[in-house]
Amino acid sequence: MQGSKMLRGALATLGVASLLALSACAGDDGTTTEPSASTSSSSAAPSSSTPPEPKKATPEGPAQNLVPPELPEEAKEFSEEGFKAFIEYWFEAQNYGLATGDGSYVEEISLEDCVFCESTLNMIENLANGEGQVWLVGGEMEATDIVAKLHGEPSDVQRAYLTLRQFSGDIYDENGMLEGGDDVHNDFVKPFEFAAYYHDGAWIAARIQAE
């Protein structure tokens, strides 16, 4: 019981902290940081049965059977359109992580010193530690109006500008909304900067912050 209370407090606190981190990401000195390679694989036995229907989280229960995000081929290209596709995928991976507690998709496309990325991963980890006993309803983010301009070499930091919409989100458990869990993610629409590197045929997020 005591552990559950501690987890609730940690989730609520971390949710607020993640918002504060949106405009506090570390600066960039223009140097190239080589991301560490990581791979993940999954296999499933062939089945003729119909896949279970994906269900978003509701106040009555956590998300179920969500389809993992898939990096589109275009997002692997060093081009303005490829950069845009990567940014859209990054937020898809974030939304999936917050809904399922699986931060692996965000982690493999983000540098360790990206403050926004680490804040997201910390909250995902805390939700995962709840082992399905606590979950986030809402809180999705959507990147629109993305403008990307490439310059220099692929290894140079590249920047894009976008409008980020975050939908409000609340933390629940089997007894209902947690104390302090309301509006853990507040609704907002803000201009953002997204900085990334292109390395070994892949984009990796370096900084995401409000302008």
C-alpha atoms as a PDB file:
ATOM      1  CA  MET A   1       0.000   0.000   0.000  1.00  0.00           C
ATOM      2  CA  GLN A   2       2.801   2.400   0.881  1.00  0.00           C
ATOM      3  CA  GLY A   3       4.550   1.610  -2.402  1.00  0.00           C
ATOM      4  CA  SER A   4       1.377   2.393  -4.326  1.00  0.00           C
ATOM      5  CA  LYS A   5       1.105   5.804  -2.657  1.00  0.00           C
ATOM      6  CA  MET A   6       4.729   6.562  -3.482  1.00  0.00           C
ATOM      7  CA  LEU A   7       4.185   5.599  -7.093  1.00  0.00           C
ATOM      8  CA  ARG A   8       1.120   7.812  -7.337  1.00  0.00           C
ATOM      9  CA  GLY A   9       3.034  10.772  -6.004  1.00  0.00           C
ATOM     10  CA  ALA A  10       5.956  10.120  -8.312  1.00  0.00           C
ATOM     11  CA  LEU A  11       3.723   9.928 -11.365  1.00  0.00           C
ATOM     12  CA  ALA A  12       1.914  13.149 -10.583  1.00  0.00           C
ATOM     13  CA  THR A  13       5.133  14.996  -9.816  1.00  0.00           C
ATOM     14  CA  LEU A  14       6.907  13.677 -12.886  1.00  0.00           C
ATOM     15  CA  GLY A  15       3.989  14.580 -15.110  1.00  0.00           C
ATOM     16  CA  VAL A  16       4.221  18.210 -14.067  1.00  0.00           C
ATOM     17  CA  ALA A  17       8.011  18.173 -14.310  1.00  0.00           C
ATOM     18  CA  SER A  18       7.830  16.874 -17.857  1.00  0.00           C
ATOM     19  CA  LEU A  19       5.867  19.964 -18.866  1.00  0.00           C
ATOM     20  CA  LEU A  20       8.394  22.266 -17.251  1.00  0.00           C
ATOM     21  CA  ALA A  21      11.118  20.553 -19.244  1.00  0.00           C
ATOM     22  CA  LEU A  22       9.502  21.387 -22.576  1.00  0.00           C
ATOM     23  CA  SER A  23      11.312  24.709 -22.834  1.00  0.00           C
ATOM     24  CA  ALA A  24      14.361  23.762 -20.763  1.00  0.00           C
ATOM     25  CA  CYS A  25      16.173  21.397 -23.114  1.00  0.00           C
ATOM     26  CA  ALA A  26      19.940  21.583 -23.243  1.00  0.00           C
ATOM     27  CA  GLY A  27      21.520  23.851 -25.825  1.00  0.00           C
ATOM     28  CA  ASP A  28      23.592  22.616 -28.718  1.00  0.00           C
ATOM     29  CA  ASP A  29      27.137  23.704 -29.550  1.00  0.00           C
ATOM     30  CA  GLY A  30      27.022  22.434 -33.115  1.00  0.00           C
ATOM     31  CA  THR A  31      29.286  19.483 -32.469  1.00  0.00           C
ATOM     32  CA  THR A  32      28.384  16.051 -33.720  1.00  0.00           C
ATOM     33  CA  THR A  33      27.360  13.468 -31.190  1.00  0.00           C
ATOM     34  CA  GLU A  34      27.509   9.912 -32.423  1.00  0.00           C
ATOM     35  CA  PRO A  35      24.491   8.003 -31.220  1.00  0.00           C
ATOM     36  CA  SER A  36      24.921   4.552 -29.863  1.00  0.00           C
ATOM     37  CA  ALA A  37      23.377   1.896 -32.021  1.00  0.00           C
ATOM     38  CA  SER A  38      20.598  -0.161 -30.596  1.00  0.00           C
ATOM     39  CA  THR A  39      18.420  -2.744 -32.190  1.00  0.00           C
ATOM     40  CA  SER A  40      15.185  -4.318 -31.194  1.00  0.00           C
ATOM     41  CA  SER A  41      13.425  -7.214 -32.763  1.00  0.00           C
ATOM     42  CA  SER A  42      10.227  -9.021 -32.177  1.00  0.00           C
ATOM     43  CA  SER A  43       8.762 -12.151 -33.623  1.00  0.00           C
ATOM     44  CA  ALA A  44       5.337 -13.615 -33.478  1.00  0.00           C
ATOM     45  CA  ALA A  45       4.130 -17.053 -34.401  1.00  0.00           C
ATOM     46  CA  PRO A  46       1.896 -17.122 -37.461  1.00  0.00           C
ATOM     47  CA  SER A  47      -1.745 -17.169 -36.561  1.00  0.00           C
ATOM     48  CA  SER A  48      -4.877 -17.435 -38.621  1.00  0.00           C
ATOM     49  CA  SER A  49      -6.984 -15.845 -35.891  1.00  0.00           C
ATOM     50  CA  THR A  50      -8.097 -12.224 -36.080  1.00  0.00           C
ATOM     51  CA  PRO A  51      -5.750  -9.879 -34.164  1.00  0.00           C
ATOM     52  CA  PRO A  52      -7.268  -8.416 -30.995  1.00  0.00           C
ATOM     53  CA  GLU A  53      -8.799  -5.006 -31.462  1.00  0.00           C
ATOM     54  CA  PRO A  54      -6.637  -2.083 -30.273  1.00  0.00           C
ATOM     55  CA  LYS A  55      -8.259  -0.087 -27.478  1.00  0.00           C
ATOM     56  CA  LYS A  56      -7.186   3.297 -26.175  1.00  0.00           C
ATOM     57  CA  ALA A  57      -6.952   3.912 -22.444  1.00  0.00           C
ATOM     58  CA  THR A  58     -10.147   4.995 -20.706  1.00  0.00           C
ATOM     59  CA  PRO A  59     -10.934   5.861 -17.076  1.00  0.00           C
ATOM     60  CA  GLU A  60     -12.045   2.231 -16.733  1.00  0.00           C
ATOM     61  CA  GLY A  61      -8.780   0.638 -17.859  1.00  0.00           C
ATOM     62  CA  PRO A  62      -5.400   0.992 -19.605  1.00  0.00           C
ATOM     63  CA  ALA A  63      -4.790   0.762 -23.333  1.00  0.00           C
ATOM     64  CA  GLN A  64      -4.828  -2.710 -24.848  1.00  0.00           C
ATOM     65  CA  ASN A  65      -3.386  -4.311 -27.976  1.00  0.00           C
ATOM     66  CA  LEU A  66      -2.006  -1.079 -29.409  1.00  0.00           C
ATOM     67  CA  VAL A  67      -0.040  -1.503 -32.634  1.00  0.00           C
ATOM     68  CA  PRO A  68       3.625  -0.455 -32.181  1.00  0.00           C
ATOM     69  CA  PRO A  69       4.775   2.484 -34.315  1.00  0.00           C
ATOM     70  CA  GLU A  70       6.644   1.631 -37.492  1.00  0.00           C
ATOM     71  CA  LEU A  71       9.360   3.906 -38.856  1.00  0.00           C
ATOM     72  CA  PRO A  72       8.402   4.752 -42.451  1.00  0.00           C
ATOM     73  CA  GLU A  73      11.011   4.342 -45.176  1.00  0.00           C
ATOM     74  CA  GLU A  74      10.808   8.058 -45.964  1.00  0.00           C
ATOM     75  CA  ALA A  75      11.888   8.873 -42.388  1.00  0.00           C
ATOM     76  CA  LYS A  76      15.239   7.163 -43.096  1.00  0.00           C
ATOM     77  CA  GLU A  77      16.182   9.642 -45.830  1.00  0.00           C
ATOM     78  CA  PHE A  78      18.391  12.705 -45.470  1.00  0.00           C
ATOM     79  CA  SER A  79      15.921  15.093 -47.013  1.00  0.00           C
ATOM     80  CA  GLU A  80      13.483  17.718 -45.813  1.00  0.00           C
ATOM     81  CA  GLU A  81      10.582  15.330 -46.321  1.00  0.00           C
ATOM     82  CA  GLY A  82      12.522  12.590 -44.539  1.00  0.00           C
ATOM     83  CA  PHE A  83      13.172  14.884 -41.576  1.00  0.00           C
ATOM     84  CA  LYS A  84       9.474  15.782 -41.388  1.00  0.00           C
ATOM     85  CA  ALA A  85       8.482  12.121 -41.492  1.00  0.00           C
ATOM     86  CA  PHE A  86      10.961  11.368 -38.699  1.00  0.00           C
ATOM     87  CA  ILE A  87       9.527  14.124 -36.485  1.00  0.00           C
ATOM     88  CA  GLU A  88       6.008  12.786 -36.975  1.00  0.00           C
ATOM     89  CA  TYR A  89       7.259   9.297 -36.119  1.00  0.00           C
ATOM     90  CA  TRP A  90       9.037  10.552 -32.963  1.00  0.00           C
ATOM     91  CA  PHE A  91       5.761  11.815 -31.523  1.00  0.00           C
ATOM     92  CA  GLU A  92       3.974   8.622 -32.562  1.00  0.00           C
ATOM     93  CA  ALA A  93       6.618   6.696 -30.595  1.00  0.00           C
ATOM     94  CA  GLN A  94       6.146   9.018 -27.617  1.00  0.00           C
ATOM     95  CA  ASN A  95       2.369   8.600 -27.652  1.00  0.00           C
ATOM     96  CA  TYR A  96       2.744   4.828 -27.864  1.00  0.00           C
ATOM     97  CA  GLY A  97       5.196   4.804 -24.956  1.00  0.00           C
ATOM     98  CA  LEU A  98       2.980   6.881 -22.683  1.00  0.00           C
ATOM     99  CA  ALA A  99       0.018   4.661 -23.520  1.00  0.00           C
ATOM    100  CA  THR A 100       1.805   1.330 -23.058  1.00  0.00           C
ATOM    101  CA  GLY A 101       4.823   1.923 -20.796  1.00  0.00           C
ATOM    102  CA  ASP A 102       7.171   0.830 -23.609  1.00  0.00           C
ATOM    103  CA  GLY A 103       9.810   3.520 -24.088  1.00  0.00           C
ATOM    104  CA  SER A 104      12.091   1.505 -26.370  1.00  0.00           C
ATOM    105  CA  TYR A 105      10.876   3.200 -29.540  1.00  0.00           C
ATOM    106  CA  VAL A 106      11.619   6.672 -28.153  1.00  0.00           C
ATOM    107  CA  GLU A 107      14.932   5.615 -26.634  1.00  0.00           C
ATOM    108  CA  GLU A 108      16.418   4.224 -29.839  1.00  0.00           C
ATOM    109  CA  ILE A 109      15.809   7.475 -31.769  1.00  0.00           C
ATOM    110  CA  SER A 110      16.854   9.991 -29.083  1.00  0.00           C
ATOM    111  CA  LEU A 111      20.176  11.193 -27.694  1.00  0.00           C
ATOM    112  CA  GLU A 112      20.720  10.760 -23.967  1.00  0.00           C
ATOM    113  CA  ASP A 113      21.257  14.508 -23.417  1.00  0.00           C
ATOM    114  CA  CYS A 114      17.935  15.484 -25.039  1.00  0.00           C
ATOM    115  CA  VAL A 115      16.109  16.856 -21.982  1.00  0.00           C
ATOM    116  CA  PHE A 116      12.625  16.611 -23.492  1.00  0.00           C
ATOM    117  CA  CYS A 117      13.328  13.025 -24.590  1.00  0.00           C
ATOM    118  CA  GLU A 118      14.618  11.990 -21.165  1.00  0.00           C
ATOM    119  CA  SER A 119      11.650  13.618 -19.432  1.00  0.00           C
ATOM    120  CA  THR A 120       9.348  11.582 -21.663  1.00  0.00           C
ATOM    121  CA  LEU A 121      11.296   8.365 -20.979  1.00  0.00           C
ATOM    122  CA  ASN A 122      11.201   8.981 -17.217  1.00  0.00           C
ATOM    123  CA  MET A 123       7.433   9.282 -17.214  1.00  0.00           C
ATOM    124  CA  ILE A 124       7.078   6.204 -19.435  1.00  0.00           C
ATOM    125  CA  GLU A 125       9.293   4.258 -17.017  1.00  0.00           C
ATOM    126  CA  ASN A 126       7.199   5.317 -14.032  1.00  0.00           C
ATOM    127  CA  LEU A 127       4.028   4.262 -15.813  1.00  0.00           C
ATOM    128  CA  ALA A 128       5.672   0.935 -16.665  1.00  0.00           C
ATOM    129  CA  ASN A 129       6.625   0.466 -13.008  1.00  0.00           C
ATOM    130  CA  GLY A 130       2.934   0.681 -12.201  1.00  0.00           C
ATOM    131  CA  GLU A 131       2.576  -2.666 -14.011  1.00  0.00           C
ATOM    132  CA  GLY A 132      -0.818  -1.785 -15.406  1.00  0.00           C
ATOM    133  CA  GLN A 133      -2.150  -0.578 -12.057  1.00  0.00           C
ATOM    134  CA  VAL A 134      -1.860   3.070 -13.131  1.00  0.00           C
ATOM    135  CA  TRP A 135      -2.276   4.494 -16.609  1.00  0.00           C
ATOM    136  CA  LEU A 136      -2.512   7.729 -18.562  1.00  0.00           C
ATOM    137  CA  VAL A 137      -5.735   8.665 -20.334  1.00  0.00           C
ATOM    138  CA  GLY A 138      -5.134  11.214 -23.090  1.00  0.00           C
ATOM    139  CA  GLY A 139      -1.953  13.274 -23.100  1.00  0.00           C
ATOM    140  CA  GLU A 140      -1.148  12.623 -26.771  1.00  0.00           C
ATOM    141  CA  MET A 141       1.035  15.050 -28.730  1.00  0.00           C
ATOM    142  CA  GLU A 142       0.681  16.000 -32.395  1.00  0.00           C
ATOM    143  CA  ALA A 143       3.217  17.845 -34.566  1.00  0.00           C
ATOM    144  CA  THR A 144       1.801  19.937 -37.407  1.00  0.00           C
ATOM    145  CA  ASP A 145       2.957  22.706 -39.769  1.00  0.00           C
ATOM    146  CA  ILE A 146       6.477  21.252 -39.827  1.00  0.00           C
ATOM    147  CA  VAL A 147       9.065  23.355 -41.674  1.00  0.00           C
ATOM    148  CA  ALA A 148      12.472  21.707 -42.146  1.00  0.00           C
ATOM    149  CA  LYS A 149      15.490  23.282 -43.853  1.00  0.00           C
ATOM    150  CA  LEU A 150      18.644  21.199 -44.227  1.00  0.00           C
ATOM    151  CA  HIS A 151      22.129  22.698 -44.326  1.00  0.00           C
ATOM    152  CA  GLY A 152      25.760  21.578 -44.343  1.00  0.00           C
ATOM    153  CA  GLU A 153      26.676  17.937 -43.945  1.00  0.00           C
ATOM    154  CA  PRO A 154      24.295  15.225 -42.663  1.00  0.00           C
ATOM    155  CA  SER A 155      26.371  15.045 -39.469  1.00  0.00           C
ATOM    156  CA  ASP A 156      25.653  18.724 -38.724  1.00  0.00           C
ATOM    157  CA  VAL A 157      22.745  19.534 -36.435  1.00  0.00           C
ATOM    158  CA  GLN A 158      19.593  20.055 -38.497  1.00  0.00           C
ATOM    159  CA  ARG A 159      16.617  22.059 -37.275  1.00  0.00           C
ATOM    160  CA  ALA A 160      12.917  22.069 -37.983  1.00  0.00           C
ATOM    161  CA  TYR A 161      10.106  24.262 -36.682  1.00  0.00           C
ATOM    162  CA  LEU A 162       6.609  23.067 -35.941  1.00  0.00           C
ATOM    163  CA  THR A 163       3.387  23.612 -34.056  1.00  0.00           C
ATOM    164  CA  LEU A 164       3.007  21.162 -31.188  1.00  0.00           C
ATOM    165  CA  ARG A 165      -0.406  20.347 -29.787  1.00  0.00           C
ATOM    166  CA  GLN A 166      -0.583  18.463 -26.498  1.00  0.00           C
ATOM    167  CA  PHE A 167      -3.961  17.135 -25.418  1.00  0.00           C
ATOM    168  CA  SER A 168      -4.827  17.057 -21.724  1.00  0.00           C
ATOM    169  CA  GLY A 169      -4.209  13.809 -19.879  1.00  0.00           C
ATOM    170  CA  ASP A 170      -5.067  12.335 -16.487  1.00  0.00           C
ATOM    171  CA  ILE A 171      -3.655   9.470 -14.408  1.00  0.00           C
ATOM    172  CA  TYR A 172      -6.041   6.704 -13.294  1.00  0.00           C
ATOM    173  CA  ASP A 173      -6.009   3.471 -11.345  1.00  0.00           C
ATOM    174  CA  GLU A 174      -8.704   0.896 -10.688  1.00  0.00           C
ATOM    175  CA  ASN A 175     -10.339   3.229  -8.145  1.00  0.00           C
ATOM    176  CA  GLY A 176     -10.569   6.185 -10.510  1.00  0.00           C
ATOM    177  CA  MET A 177      -8.502   9.299 -11.061  1.00  0.00           C
ATOM    178  CA  LEU A 178      -5.498   9.509  -8.763  1.00  0.00           C
ATOM    179  CA  GLU A 179      -5.203  12.348  -6.311  1.00  0.00           C
ATOM    180  CA  GLY A 180      -3.071  14.918  -8.116  1.00  0.00           C
ATOM    181  CA  GLY A 181      -3.436  12.943 -11.331  1.00  0.00           C
ATOM    182  CA  ASP A 182      -5.802  15.347 -13.035  1.00  0.00           C
ATOM    183  CA  ASP A 183      -4.325  17.411 -15.847  1.00  0.00           C
ATOM    184  CA  VAL A 184      -0.914  15.784 -15.473  1.00  0.00           C
ATOM    185  CA  HIS A 185      -0.591  16.814 -19.089  1.00  0.00           C
ATOM    186  CA  ASN A 186      -2.215  20.159 -19.781  1.00  0.00           C
ATOM    187  CA  ASP A 187      -3.678  21.030 -23.152  1.00  0.00           C
ATOM    188  CA  PHE A 188      -1.571  23.522 -25.129  1.00  0.00           C
ATOM    189  CA  VAL A 189      -0.605  24.605 -28.646  1.00  0.00           C
ATOM    190  CA  LYS A 190       2.899  26.088 -28.962  1.00  0.00           C
ATOM    191  CA  PRO A 191       5.604  26.694 -31.565  1.00  0.00           C
ATOM    192  CA  PHE A 192       8.521  24.302 -31.077  1.00  0.00           C
ATOM    193  CA  GLU A 193      12.009  23.700 -32.428  1.00  0.00           C
ATOM    194  CA  PHE A 194      13.151  20.160 -33.171  1.00  0.00           C
ATOM    195  CA  ALA A 195      16.894  19.571 -33.649  1.00  0.00           C
ATOM    196  CA  ALA A 196      18.305  16.277 -34.870  1.00  0.00           C
ATOM    197  CA  TYR A 197      21.379  14.620 -36.392  1.00  0.00           C
ATOM    198  CA  TYR A 198      21.511  12.258 -39.344  1.00  0.00           C
ATOM    199  CA  HIS A 199      23.972   9.429 -38.716  1.00  0.00           C
ATOM    200  CA  ASP A 200      24.527   6.116 -40.492  1.00  0.00           C
ATOM    201  CA  GLY A 201      21.318   6.384 -42.475  1.00  0.00           C
ATOM    202  CA  ALA A 202      19.101   7.343 -39.545  1.00  0.00           C
ATOM    203  CA  TRP A 203      17.808  10.437 -37.796  1.00  0.00           C
ATOM    204  CA  ILE A 204      18.172  10.866 -34.040  1.00  0.00           C
ATOM    205  CA  ALA A 205      16.547  13.568 -31.900  1.00  0.00           C
ATOM    206  CA  ALA A 206      18.976  15.941 -30.165  1.00  0.00           C
ATOM    207  CA  ARG A 207      16.777  18.713 -28.765  1.00  0.00           C
ATOM    208  CA  ILE A 208      13.052  19.457 -28.625  1.00  0.00           C
ATOM    209  CA  GLN A 209      12.014  22.722 -27.020  1.00  0.00           C
ATOM    210  CA  ALA A 210       9.451  25.497 -27.104  1.00  0.00           C
ATOM    211  CA  GLU A 211      10.502  28.550 -29.041  1.00  0.00           C
END
